[in-house]
C-alpha atoms as a PDB file:
ATOM      1  CA  UNK A   1      97.165 154.529-170.267  1.00  0.00           C
ATOM      2  CA  UNK A   2      98.331 151.436-172.113  1.00  0.00           C
ATOM      3  CA  UNK A   3      98.721 149.683-168.776  1.00  0.00           C
ATOM      4  CA  UNK A   4      95.148 150.504-167.825  1.00  0.00           C
ATOM      5  CA  UNK A   5      93.857 149.288-171.181  1.00  0.00           C
ATOM      6  CA  UNK A   6      95.573 145.935-170.754  1.00  0.00           C
ATOM      7  CA  UNK A   7      94.152 145.676-167.247  1.00  0.00           C
ATOM      8  CA  UNK A   8      90.610 146.114-168.548  1.00  0.00           C
ATOM      9  CA  UNK A   9      91.061 144.247-171.842  1.00  0.00           C
ATOM     10  CA  UNK A  10      88.621 141.441-170.864  1.00  0.00           C
ATOM     11  CA  UNK A  11      85.918 144.075-170.616  1.00  0.00           C
ATOM     12  CA  UNK A  12      86.152 144.785-174.346  1.00  0.00           C
ATOM     13  CA  UNK A  13      84.935 141.331-175.348  1.00  0.00           C
ATOM     14  CA  UNK A  14      82.514 140.442-172.578  1.00  0.00           C
ATOM     15  CA  UNK A  15      81.867 143.163-170.009  1.00  0.00           C
ATOM     16  CA  UNK A  16      80.097 142.412-166.771  1.00  0.00           C
ATOM     17  CA  UNK A  17      78.452 145.364-165.051  1.00  0.00           C
ATOM     18  CA  UNK A  18      76.684 144.984-161.739  1.00  0.00           C
ATOM     19  CA  UNK A  19      74.371 147.350-159.853  1.00  0.00           C
ATOM     20  CA  UNK A  20      73.760 146.615-156.192  1.00  0.00           C
ATOM     21  CA  UNK A  21      72.536 148.234-153.013  1.00  0.00           C
ATOM     22  CA  UNK A  22      74.778 147.243-150.123  1.00  0.00           C
ATOM     23  CA  UNK A  23      73.136 147.029-146.716  1.00  0.00           C
ATOM     24  CA  UNK A  24      75.797 147.465-144.033  1.00  0.00           C
ATOM     25  CA  UNK A  25      76.848 150.207-141.639  1.00  0.00           C
ATOM     26  CA  UNK A  26      78.625 152.253-144.302  1.00  0.00           C
ATOM     27  CA  UNK A  27      75.949 151.930-146.974  1.00  0.00           C
ATOM     28  CA  UNK A  28      73.276 154.371-148.025  1.00  0.00           C
ATOM     29  CA  UNK A  29      70.013 152.673-147.182  1.00  0.00           C
ATOM     30  CA  UNK A  30      67.253 152.946-149.747  1.00  0.00           C
ATOM     31  CA  UNK A  31      63.849 154.250-148.650  1.00  0.00           C
ATOM     32  CA  UNK A  32      61.579 151.276-148.061  1.00  0.00           C
ATOM     33  CA  UNK A  33      57.883 150.724-148.611  1.00  0.00           C
ATOM     34  CA  UNK A  34      55.839 148.691-146.102  1.00  0.00           C
ATOM     35  CA  UNK A  35      55.103 145.445-147.871  1.00  0.00           C
ATOM     36  CA  UNK A  36      53.494 142.058-147.948  1.00  0.00           C
ATOM     37  CA  UNK A  37      52.283 140.231-144.850  1.00  0.00           C
ATOM     38  CA  UNK A  38      52.119 140.845-141.111  1.00  0.00           C
ATOM     39  CA  UNK A  39      55.153 138.878-139.918  1.00  0.00           C
ATOM     40  CA  UNK A  40      57.540 137.201-142.324  1.00  0.00           C
ATOM     41  CA  UNK A  41      58.794 134.945-139.499  1.00  0.00           C
ATOM     42  CA  UNK A  42      55.312 133.437-139.207  1.00  0.00           C
ATOM     43  CA  UNK A  43      54.887 133.063-142.960  1.00  0.00           C
ATOM     44  CA  UNK A  44      58.267 131.467-143.625  1.00  0.00           C
ATOM     45  CA  UNK A  45      59.655 130.208-140.290  1.00  0.00           C
ATOM     46  CA  UNK A  46      62.372 128.107-141.927  1.00  0.00           C
ATOM     47  CA  UNK A  47      63.934 131.234-143.434  1.00  0.00           C
ATOM     48  CA  UNK A  48      64.151 133.366-140.293  1.00  0.00           C
ATOM     49  CA  UNK A  49      67.890 133.802-140.762  1.00  0.00           C
ATOM     50  CA  UNK A  50      67.278 136.133-143.725  1.00  0.00           C
ATOM     51  CA  UNK A  51      67.460 139.724-142.519  1.00  0.00           C
ATOM     52  CA  UNK A  52      64.086 141.124-143.516  1.00  0.00           C
ATOM     53  CA  UNK A  53      62.045 143.738-141.664  1.00  0.00           C
ATOM     54  CA  UNK A  54      59.789 141.945-139.201  1.00  0.00           C
ATOM     55  CA  UNK A  55      56.887 144.380-139.406  1.00  0.00           C
ATOM     56  CA  UNK A  56      55.512 144.052-142.909  1.00  0.00           C
ATOM     57  CA  UNK A  57      52.189 145.593-143.841  1.00  0.00           C
ATOM     58  CA  UNK A  58      50.525 145.224-147.212  1.00  0.00           C
ATOM     59  CA  UNK A  59      47.001 144.593-148.384  1.00  0.00           C
ATOM     60  CA  UNK A  60      47.500 141.972-151.089  1.00  0.00           C
ATOM     61  CA  UNK A  61      44.905 140.779-153.528  1.00  0.00           C
ATOM     62  CA  UNK A  62      42.886 137.777-152.452  1.00  0.00           C
ATOM     63  CA  UNK A  63      44.862 135.290-154.542  1.00  0.00           C
ATOM     64  CA  UNK A  64      48.183 136.431-153.068  1.00  0.00           C
ATOM     65  CA  UNK A  65      46.838 136.399-149.519  1.00  0.00           C
ATOM     66  CA  UNK A  66      45.358 132.915-149.958  1.00  0.00           C
ATOM     67  CA  UNK A  67      48.449 131.363-151.459  1.00  0.00           C
ATOM     68  CA  UNK A  68      50.683 132.829-148.743  1.00  0.00           C
ATOM     69  CA  UNK A  69      48.472 131.164-146.135  1.00  0.00           C
ATOM     70  CA  UNK A  70      48.644 127.927-148.105  1.00  0.00           C
ATOM     71  CA  UNK A  71      52.442 128.139-148.287  1.00  0.00           C
ATOM     72  CA  UNK A  72      52.760 128.131-144.493  1.00  0.00           C
ATOM     73  CA  UNK A  73      49.965 125.619-143.752  1.00  0.00           C
ATOM     74  CA  UNK A  74      50.245 121.918-143.054  1.00  0.00           C
ATOM     75  CA  UNK A  75      48.695 120.407-146.163  1.00  0.00           C
ATOM     76  CA  UNK A  76      47.972 116.826-147.183  1.00  0.00           C
ATOM     77  CA  UNK A  77      49.964 116.259-150.424  1.00  0.00           C
ATOM     78  CA  UNK A  78      47.210 113.892-151.639  1.00  0.00           C
ATOM     79  CA  UNK A  79      44.646 116.697-151.531  1.00  0.00           C
ATOM     80  CA  UNK A  80      45.009 119.164-154.362  1.00  0.00           C
ATOM     81  CA  UNK A  81      44.492 122.787-153.375  1.00  0.00           C
ATOM     82  CA  UNK A  82      43.169 125.247-155.949  1.00  0.00           C
ATOM     83  CA  UNK A  83      44.926 128.295-154.473  1.00  0.00           C
ATOM     84  CA  UNK A  84      47.992 127.686-156.643  1.00  0.00           C
ATOM     85  CA  UNK A  85      45.754 127.288-159.695  1.00  0.00           C
ATOM     86  CA  UNK A  86      44.094 130.620-158.940  1.00  0.00           C
ATOM     87  CA  UNK A  87      47.399 132.397-158.412  1.00  0.00           C
ATOM     88  CA  UNK A  88      48.895 131.082-161.656  1.00  0.00           C
ATOM     89  CA  UNK A  89      45.755 131.841-163.674  1.00  0.00           C
ATOM     90  CA  UNK A  90      45.754 135.394-162.367  1.00  0.00           C
ATOM     91  CA  UNK A  91      49.425 136.343-162.684  1.00  0.00           C
ATOM     92  CA  UNK A  92      51.150 134.009-165.165  1.00  0.00           C
ATOM     93  CA  UNK A  93      49.351 135.328-168.293  1.00  0.00           C
ATOM     94  CA  UNK A  94      50.258 138.891-167.329  1.00  0.00           C
ATOM     95  CA  UNK A  95      53.897 137.893-166.854  1.00  0.00           C
ATOM     96  CA  UNK A  96      53.953 136.269-170.289  1.00  0.00           C
ATOM     97  CA  UNK A  97      52.687 139.410-172.059  1.00  0.00           C
ATOM     98  CA  UNK A  98      55.389 141.824-170.830  1.00  0.00           C
ATOM     99  CA  UNK A  99      59.139 142.096-171.235  1.00  0.00           C
ATOM    100  CA  UNK A 100      59.608 142.453-167.479  1.00  0.00           C
ATOM    101  CA  UNK A 101      58.839 138.942-166.293  1.00  0.00           C
ATOM    102  CA  UNK A 102      58.420 137.233-162.948  1.00  0.00           C
ATOM    103  CA  UNK A 103      60.993 134.459-163.314  1.00  0.00           C
ATOM    104  CA  UNK A 104      59.893 132.748-160.112  1.00  0.00           C
ATOM    105  CA  UNK A 105      56.302 132.320-161.260  1.00  0.00           C
ATOM    106  CA  UNK A 106      57.517 130.400-164.319  1.00  0.00           C
ATOM    107  CA  UNK A 107      59.472 128.070-162.042  1.00  0.00           C
ATOM    108  CA  UNK A 108      56.409 127.703-159.808  1.00  0.00           C
ATOM    109  CA  UNK A 109      54.289 126.668-162.791  1.00  0.00           C
ATOM    110  CA  UNK A 110      56.873 124.077-163.907  1.00  0.00           C
ATOM    111  CA  UNK A 111      57.218 122.418-160.525  1.00  0.00           C
ATOM    112  CA  UNK A 112      53.499 122.652-159.769  1.00  0.00           C
ATOM    113  CA  UNK A 113      52.676 120.780-162.978  1.00  0.00           C
ATOM    114  CA  UNK A 114      55.323 118.214-162.097  1.00  0.00           C
ATOM    115  CA  UNK A 115      53.636 117.724-158.719  1.00  0.00           C
ATOM    116  CA  UNK A 116      50.181 117.393-160.338  1.00  0.00           C
ATOM    117  CA  UNK A 117      51.391 114.613-162.641  1.00  0.00           C
ATOM    118  CA  UNK A 118      52.775 112.683-159.676  1.00  0.00           C
ATOM    119  CA  UNK A 119      49.601 113.359-157.672  1.00  0.00           C
ATOM    120  CA  UNK A 120      47.454 111.842-160.420  1.00  0.00           C
ATOM    121  CA  UNK A 121      49.673 108.754-160.541  1.00  0.00           C
ATOM    122  CA  UNK A 122      49.657 108.392-156.756  1.00  0.00           C
ATOM    123  CA  UNK A 123      45.875 108.705-156.502  1.00  0.00           C
ATOM    124  CA  UNK A 124      45.466 106.066-159.220  1.00  0.00           C
ATOM    125  CA  UNK A 125      47.273 103.653-156.888  1.00  0.00           C
ATOM    126  CA  UNK A 126      45.777 104.857-153.606  1.00  0.00           C
ATOM    127  CA  UNK A 127      42.071 105.128-154.460  1.00  0.00           C
ATOM    128  CA  UNK A 128      41.302 101.485-155.406  1.00  0.00           C
ATOM    129  CA  UNK A 129      42.477 100.364-151.956  1.00  0.00           C
ATOM    130  CA  UNK A 130      41.261 103.408-150.043  1.00  0.00           C
ATOM    131  CA  UNK A 131      44.762 104.492-149.061  1.00  0.00           C
ATOM    132  CA  UNK A 132      45.359 107.850-147.394  1.00  0.00           C
ATOM    133  CA  UNK A 133      48.582 109.826-147.277  1.00  0.00           C
ATOM    134  CA  UNK A 134      49.308 108.760-143.702  1.00  0.00           C
ATOM    135  CA  UNK A 135      48.303 105.122-144.081  1.00  0.00           C
ATOM    136  CA  UNK A 136      50.734 102.789-142.314  1.00  0.00           C
ATOM    137  CA  UNK A 137      51.901  99.458-143.706  1.00  0.00           C
ATOM    138  CA  UNK A 138      50.247  97.390-140.994  1.00  0.00           C
ATOM    139  CA  UNK A 139      46.942  99.218-141.503  1.00  0.00           C
ATOM    140  CA  UNK A 140      47.068  98.471-145.221  1.00  0.00           C
ATOM    141  CA  UNK A 141      47.756  94.776-144.641  1.00  0.00           C
ATOM    142  CA  UNK A 142      44.746  94.565-142.279  1.00  0.00           C
ATOM    143  CA  UNK A 143      42.223  96.360-144.486  1.00  0.00           C
ATOM    144  CA  UNK A 144      43.400  95.511-148.008  1.00  0.00           C
ATOM    145  CA  UNK A 145      41.020  93.560-150.231  1.00  0.00           C
ATOM    146  CA  UNK A 146      43.908  91.887-152.019  1.00  0.00           C
ATOM    147  CA  UNK A 147      43.921  88.106-151.524  1.00  0.00           C
ATOM    148  CA  UNK A 148      47.556  87.104-151.048  1.00  0.00           C
ATOM    149  CA  UNK A 149      50.321  88.561-148.911  1.00  0.00           C
ATOM    150  CA  UNK A 150      52.556  88.729-151.980  1.00  0.00           C
ATOM    151  CA  UNK A 151      50.000  90.911-153.777  1.00  0.00           C
ATOM    152  CA  UNK A 152      49.792  93.158-150.742  1.00  0.00           C
ATOM    153  CA  UNK A 153      53.587  93.508-150.528  1.00  0.00           C
ATOM    154  CA  UNK A 154      53.874  94.408-154.201  1.00  0.00           C
ATOM    155  CA  UNK A 155      50.993  96.881-153.990  1.00  0.00           C
ATOM    156  CA  UNK A 156      52.378  98.519-150.858  1.00  0.00           C
ATOM    157  CA  UNK A 157      55.844  98.936-152.376  1.00  0.00           C
ATOM    158  CA  UNK A 158      54.337 100.531-155.453  1.00  0.00           C
ATOM    159  CA  UNK A 159      52.231 102.937-153.377  1.00  0.00           C
ATOM    160  CA  UNK A 160      55.026 103.793-150.947  1.00  0.00           C
ATOM    161  CA  UNK A 161      57.502 104.535-153.756  1.00  0.00           C
ATOM    162  CA  UNK A 162      55.009 106.787-155.544  1.00  0.00           C
ATOM    163  CA  UNK A 163      54.095 108.485-152.260  1.00  0.00           C
ATOM    164  CA  UNK A 164      57.765 109.296-151.611  1.00  0.00           C
ATOM    165  CA  UNK A 165      58.049 110.735-155.118  1.00  0.00           C
ATOM    166  CA  UNK A 166      54.902 112.772-154.489  1.00  0.00           C
ATOM    167  CA  UNK A 167      56.319 114.205-151.263  1.00  0.00           C
ATOM    168  CA  UNK A 168      59.539 115.258-153.014  1.00  0.00           C
ATOM    169  CA  UNK A 169      57.654 116.967-155.843  1.00  0.00           C
ATOM    170  CA  UNK A 170      55.174 118.527-153.413  1.00  0.00           C
ATOM    171  CA  UNK A 171      57.844 120.239-151.360  1.00  0.00           C
ATOM    172  CA  UNK A 172      59.769 121.033-154.534  1.00  0.00           C
ATOM    173  CA  UNK A 173      56.910 123.109-155.907  1.00  0.00           C
ATOM    174  CA  UNK A 174      56.051 124.668-152.542  1.00  0.00           C
ATOM    175  CA  UNK A 175      59.608 126.015-152.353  1.00  0.00           C
ATOM    176  CA  UNK A 176      58.731 128.362-155.239  1.00  0.00           C
ATOM    177  CA  UNK A 177      55.516 129.803-153.794  1.00  0.00           C
ATOM    178  CA  UNK A 178      57.155 132.392-151.537  1.00  0.00           C
ATOM    179  CA  UNK A 179      59.668 133.644-154.176  1.00  0.00           C
ATOM    180  CA  UNK A 180      56.941 133.810-156.848  1.00  0.00           C
ATOM    181  CA  UNK A 181      54.658 135.864-154.611  1.00  0.00           C
ATOM    182  CA  UNK A 182      57.562 138.011-153.432  1.00  0.00           C
ATOM    183  CA  UNK A 183      58.634 138.873-156.982  1.00  0.00           C
ATOM    184  CA  UNK A 184      55.075 139.625-158.089  1.00  0.00           C
ATOM    185  CA  UNK A 185      54.517 141.978-155.164  1.00  0.00           C
ATOM    186  CA  UNK A 186      57.815 143.771-155.823  1.00  0.00           C
ATOM    187  CA  UNK A 187      56.750 144.271-159.444  1.00  0.00           C
ATOM    188  CA  UNK A 188      53.312 145.549-158.390  1.00  0.00           C
ATOM    189  CA  UNK A 189      54.920 148.007-155.979  1.00  0.00           C
ATOM    190  CA  UNK A 190      57.455 149.120-158.589  1.00  0.00           C
ATOM    191  CA  UNK A 191      54.688 149.943-161.062  1.00  0.00           C
ATOM    192  CA  UNK A 192      52.862 151.873-158.360  1.00  0.00           C
ATOM    193  CA  UNK A 193      56.046 153.717-157.425  1.00  0.00           C
ATOM    194  CA  UNK A 194      57.138 154.673-160.953  1.00  0.00           C
ATOM    195  CA  UNK A 195      54.742 153.635-163.755  1.00  0.00           C
ATOM    196  CA  UNK A 196      56.650 155.575-166.433  1.00  0.00           C
ATOM    197  CA  UNK A 197      59.739 153.472-165.781  1.00  0.00           C
ATOM    198  CA  UNK A 198      57.658 150.286-166.013  1.00  0.00           C
ATOM    199  CA  UNK A 199      56.418 151.301-169.460  1.00  0.00           C
ATOM    200  CA  UNK A 200      59.927 152.225-170.640  1.00  0.00           C
ATOM    201  CA  UNK A 201      61.476 148.953-169.447  1.00  0.00           C
ATOM    202  CA  UNK A 202      58.819 147.010-171.352  1.00  0.00           C
ATOM    203  CA  UNK A 203      59.880 148.750-174.576  1.00  0.00           C
ATOM    204  CA  UNK A 204      63.612 147.980-174.499  1.00  0.00           C
ATOM    205  CA  UNK A 205      65.270 146.355-177.491  1.00  0.00           C
ATOM    206  CA  UNK A 206      68.392 144.242-177.678  1.00  0.00           C
ATOM    207  CA  UNK A 207      71.241 145.214-179.981  1.00  0.00           C
ATOM    208  CA  UNK A 208      69.791 143.094-182.795  1.00  0.00           C
ATOM    209  CA  UNK A 209      66.416 144.848-182.549  1.00  0.00           C
ATOM    210  CA  UNK A 210      64.669 141.996-180.761  1.00  0.00           C
ATOM    211  CA  UNK A 211      62.691 142.675-177.552  1.00  0.00           C
ATOM    212  CA  UNK A 212      64.975 142.830-174.515  1.00  0.00           C
ATOM    213  CA  UNK A 213      63.439 140.797-171.720  1.00  0.00           C
ATOM    214  CA  UNK A 214      64.170 141.477-168.057  1.00  0.00           C
ATOM    215  CA  UNK A 215      63.604 138.540-165.729  1.00  0.00           C
ATOM    216  CA  UNK A 216      63.174 139.274-162.042  1.00  0.00           C
ATOM    217  CA  UNK A 217      63.847 136.793-159.246  1.00  0.00           C
ATOM    218  CA  UNK A 218      63.533 136.878-155.464  1.00  0.00           C
ATOM    219  CA  UNK A 219      66.215 135.165-153.410  1.00  0.00           C
ATOM    220  CA  UNK A 220      66.070 133.953-149.825  1.00  0.00           C
ATOM    221  CA  UNK A 221      69.761 134.744-149.525  1.00  0.00           C
ATOM    222  CA  UNK A 222      71.399 137.355-151.773  1.00  0.00           C
ATOM    223  CA  UNK A 223      75.083 138.125-151.312  1.00  0.00           C
ATOM    224  CA  UNK A 224      78.066 139.393-153.257  1.00  0.00           C
ATOM    225  CA  UNK A 225      80.764 136.745-153.761  1.00  0.00           C
ATOM    226  CA  UNK A 226      83.986 137.388-151.868  1.00  0.00           C
ATOM    227  CA  UNK A 227      82.406 140.180-149.784  1.00  0.00           C
ATOM    228  CA  UNK A 228      81.801 138.850-146.301  1.00  0.00           C
ATOM    229  CA  UNK A 229      79.252 140.270-143.860  1.00  0.00           C
ATOM    230  CA  UNK A 230      77.436 141.998-146.705  1.00  0.00           C
ATOM    231  CA  UNK A 231      73.691 141.859-147.262  1.00  0.00           C
ATOM    232  CA  UNK A 232      72.294 143.289-150.474  1.00  0.00           C
ATOM    233  CA  UNK A 233      68.745 144.210-151.413  1.00  0.00           C
ATOM    234  CA  UNK A 234      69.089 143.991-155.183  1.00  0.00           C
ATOM    235  CA  UNK A 235      71.458 143.033-157.956  1.00  0.00           C
ATOM    236  CA  UNK A 236      71.031 143.998-161.630  1.00  0.00           C
ATOM    237  CA  UNK A 237      73.050 142.169-164.266  1.00  0.00           C
ATOM    238  CA  UNK A 238      73.795 143.206-167.833  1.00  0.00           C
ATOM    239  CA  UNK A 239      76.627 141.980-170.009  1.00  0.00           C
ATOM    240  CA  UNK A 240      77.492 142.479-173.668  1.00  0.00           C
ATOM    241  CA  UNK A 241      78.720 139.308-175.313  1.00  0.00           C
ATOM    242  CA  UNK A 242      78.940 138.611-179.052  1.00  0.00           C
ATOM    243  CA  UNK A 243      77.075 141.847-179.816  1.00  0.00           C
ATOM    244  CA  UNK A 244      74.128 140.872-177.631  1.00  0.00           C
ATOM    245  CA  UNK A 245      72.962 142.110-174.263  1.00  0.00           C
ATOM    246  CA  UNK A 246      72.772 139.140-171.934  1.00  0.00           C
ATOM    247  CA  UNK A 247      72.853 138.086-168.318  1.00  0.00           C
ATOM    248  CA  UNK A 248      74.015 134.579-169.156  1.00  0.00           C
ATOM    249  CA  UNK A 249      77.484 135.242-170.592  1.00  0.00           C
ATOM    250  CA  UNK A 250      80.549 133.230-169.460  1.00  0.00           C
ATOM    251  CA  UNK A 251      81.662 136.228-167.389  1.00  0.00           C
ATOM    252  CA  UNK A 252      78.355 136.342-165.527  1.00  0.00           C
ATOM    253  CA  UNK A 253      78.252 132.603-164.937  1.00  0.00           C
ATOM    254  CA  UNK A 254      81.810 132.697-163.605  1.00  0.00           C
ATOM    255  CA  UNK A 255      81.133 135.608-161.247  1.00  0.00           C
ATOM    256  CA  UNK A 256      77.718 134.412-160.071  1.00  0.00           C
ATOM    257  CA  UNK A 257      77.479 130.637-160.660  1.00  0.00           C
ATOM    258  CA  UNK A 258      74.432 130.292-158.421  1.00  0.00           C
ATOM    259  CA  UNK A 259      72.303 133.021-159.978  1.00  0.00           C
ATOM    260  CA  UNK A 260      69.940 132.413-162.874  1.00  0.00           C
ATOM    261  CA  UNK A 261      70.382 134.425-166.035  1.00  0.00           C
ATOM    262  CA  UNK A 262      69.141 134.702-169.609  1.00  0.00           C
ATOM    263  CA  UNK A 263      71.136 134.303-172.812  1.00  0.00           C
ATOM    264  CA  UNK A 264      69.269 137.120-174.597  1.00  0.00           C
ATOM    265  CA  UNK A 265      67.874 139.047-171.656  1.00  0.00           C
ATOM    266  CA  UNK A 266      68.748 140.868-168.470  1.00  0.00           C
ATOM    267  CA  UNK A 267      68.078 139.901-164.865  1.00  0.00           C
ATOM    268  CA  UNK A 268      67.375 141.547-161.551  1.00  0.00           C
ATOM    269  CA  UNK A 269      67.806 139.609-158.333  1.00  0.00           C
ATOM    270  CA  UNK A 270      66.092 140.851-155.171  1.00  0.00           C
ATOM    271  CA  UNK A 271      65.939 139.823-151.549  1.00  0.00           C
ATOM    272  CA  UNK A 272      62.632 138.348-150.455  1.00  0.00           C
ATOM    273  CA  UNK A 273      59.872 140.931-150.203  1.00  0.00           C
ATOM    274  CA  UNK A 274      61.834 143.923-151.476  1.00  0.00           C
ATOM    275  CA  UNK A 275      59.876 147.037-152.324  1.00  0.00           C
ATOM    276  CA  UNK A 276      59.147 149.009-155.474  1.00  0.00           C
ATOM    277  CA  UNK A 277      61.853 151.564-154.736  1.00  0.00           C
ATOM    278  CA  UNK A 278      64.577 148.914-154.662  1.00  0.00           C
ATOM    279  CA  UNK A 279      63.357 147.371-157.913  1.00  0.00           C
ATOM    280  CA  UNK A 280      63.133 150.799-159.547  1.00  0.00           C
ATOM    281  CA  UNK A 281      66.729 151.445-158.480  1.00  0.00           C
ATOM    282  CA  UNK A 282      67.964 148.247-160.122  1.00  0.00           C
ATOM    283  CA  UNK A 283      65.945 148.912-163.265  1.00  0.00           C
ATOM    284  CA  UNK A 284      67.524 152.364-163.411  1.00  0.00           C
ATOM    285  CA  UNK A 285      70.952 150.750-163.783  1.00  0.00           C
ATOM    286  CA  UNK A 286      69.702 148.572-166.623  1.00  0.00           C
ATOM    287  CA  UNK A 287      67.826 151.356-168.384  1.00  0.00           C
ATOM    288  CA  UNK A 288      70.907 153.584-168.448  1.00  0.00           C
ATOM    289  CA  UNK A 289      73.277 150.816-169.554  1.00  0.00           C
ATOM    290  CA  UNK A 290      70.961 149.542-172.295  1.00  0.00           C
ATOM    291  CA  UNK A 291      71.006 152.988-173.913  1.00  0.00           C
ATOM    292  CA  UNK A 292      74.449 154.253-172.935  1.00  0.00           C
ATOM    293  CA  UNK A 293      76.591 151.129-173.086  1.00  0.00           C
ATOM    294  CA  UNK A 294      79.455 152.461-175.178  1.00  0.00           C
ATOM    295  CA  UNK A 295      79.428 155.710-173.232  1.00  0.00           C
ATOM    296  CA  UNK A 296      79.755 153.745-169.999  1.00  0.00           C
ATOM    297  CA  UNK A 297      82.568 151.582-171.375  1.00  0.00           C
ATOM    298  CA  UNK A 298      84.444 154.814-172.134  1.00  0.00           C
ATOM    299  CA  UNK A 299      83.748 155.999-168.585  1.00  0.00           C
ATOM    300  CA  UNK A 300      85.270 152.799-167.161  1.00  0.00           C
ATOM    301  CA  UNK A 301      88.358 153.155-169.335  1.00  0.00           C
ATOM    302  CA  UNK A 302      88.827 156.764-168.239  1.00  0.00           C
ATOM    303  CA  UNK A 303      88.528 155.812-164.573  1.00  0.00           C
ATOM    304  CA  UNK A 304      91.029 152.979-164.987  1.00  0.00           C
ATOM    305  CA  UNK A 305      92.033 151.453-161.667  1.00  0.00           C
ATOM    306  CA  UNK A 306      89.894 154.040-159.840  1.00  0.00           C
ATOM    307  CA  UNK A 307      86.674 152.548-161.229  1.00  0.00           C
ATOM    308  CA  UNK A 308      84.472 151.125-158.465  1.00  0.00           C
ATOM    309  CA  UNK A 309      82.571 148.015-159.645  1.00  0.00           C
ATOM    310  CA  UNK A 310      78.898 148.137-158.861  1.00  0.00           C
ATOM    311  CA  UNK A 311      78.022 151.483-160.402  1.00  0.00           C
ATOM    312  CA  UNK A 312      78.130 153.522-157.210  1.00  0.00           C
ATOM    313  CA  UNK A 313      81.463 155.314-157.306  1.00  0.00           C
ATOM    314  CA  UNK A 314      81.559 159.114-157.045  1.00  0.00           C
ATOM    315  CA  UNK A 315      79.892 160.593-160.121  1.00  0.00           C
ATOM    316  CA  UNK A 316      79.205 157.168-161.676  1.00  0.00           C
ATOM    317  CA  UNK A 317      76.473 157.793-164.295  1.00  0.00           C
ATOM    318  CA  UNK A 318      74.959 154.341-163.809  1.00  0.00           C
ATOM    319  CA  UNK A 319      74.580 154.984-160.102  1.00  0.00           C
ATOM    320  CA  UNK A 320      73.178 158.450-160.765  1.00  0.00           C
ATOM    321  CA  UNK A 321      70.581 156.945-163.108  1.00  0.00           C
ATOM    322  CA  UNK A 322      69.601 154.379-160.463  1.00  0.00           C
ATOM    323  CA  UNK A 323      69.158 157.050-157.817  1.00  0.00           C
ATOM    324  CA  UNK A 324      66.977 159.052-160.206  1.00  0.00           C
ATOM    325  CA  UNK A 325      64.618 156.152-160.900  1.00  0.00           C
ATOM    326  CA  UNK A 326      64.628 155.380-157.187  1.00  0.00           C
ATOM    327  CA  UNK A 327      63.255 158.910-156.719  1.00  0.00           C
ATOM    328  CA  UNK A 328      60.699 158.602-159.518  1.00  0.00           C
ATOM    329  CA  UNK A 329      62.611 160.436-162.276  1.00  0.00           C
ATOM    330  CA  UNK A 330      63.720 159.117-165.666  1.00  0.00           C
ATOM    331  CA  UNK A 331      67.507 159.361-166.281  1.00  0.00           C
ATOM    332  CA  UNK A 332      67.035 160.980-169.694  1.00  0.00           C
END
């Protein structure tokens, strides 16, 4: 017993508990809802390598449908499109009023505003000389109203540098459109699947009595470190560090350096366009652990070396709770 305690001693100070659904030949596949858009390959051709069901059917709201079309369209970076404005105005306020938050939509807002600032600066240079996004240097030198060649060179360099910055910020913000929409749809489907769980998760408190936020992200690639040939649908992260529930502890950052977390909140990471059942499953892990932390620590100590990380060993109460919420039942 003493040997087992020393083996799990790091867990006493900063315990990392992970809940995942492993998608390989030996895994139990979760039931899936039909979701999102007709063909994900057409919507996001550059991410075809991600293993996502090809036939995807969902009737999204108009804002979601429009912004998905915009995300896959060839768009002039100098022409502002209001679809992103509409999407953010519709869904960002809702995200900010609940404890379960769409983390990707916050990133989308940040990078979209960064793009808009650069767009304003670029247009301030382009408009006086009638420059378009695709204007070539020789065209500018022929049509420019500037008097000297030196003035033209200086003006062109200024425009070209700002245009390059605009392109970088444009594609930077567009990278977050698909994850932001994906996360929002997963949250909509989760609330439809199990509204009672949604309400309960938005009432959680941290150990100090403060509201316990849960930030949800969608990932184009979601894997478990050091487990090759493994594709996962969801990953829930909760750690207790310095008497606070967190997903940003040193243990979490060491185990998952590429995944975003929160110092005083929990996180769920999903594959792109996961359904409400998968998200309910991951929330079930977090719900159980937030209320039964000490009980689960005792369970791990009792299991010793036979404990299976991930919460899905035989009789694991965290896994049992996740399967209950997956099936629309509260754990307790």
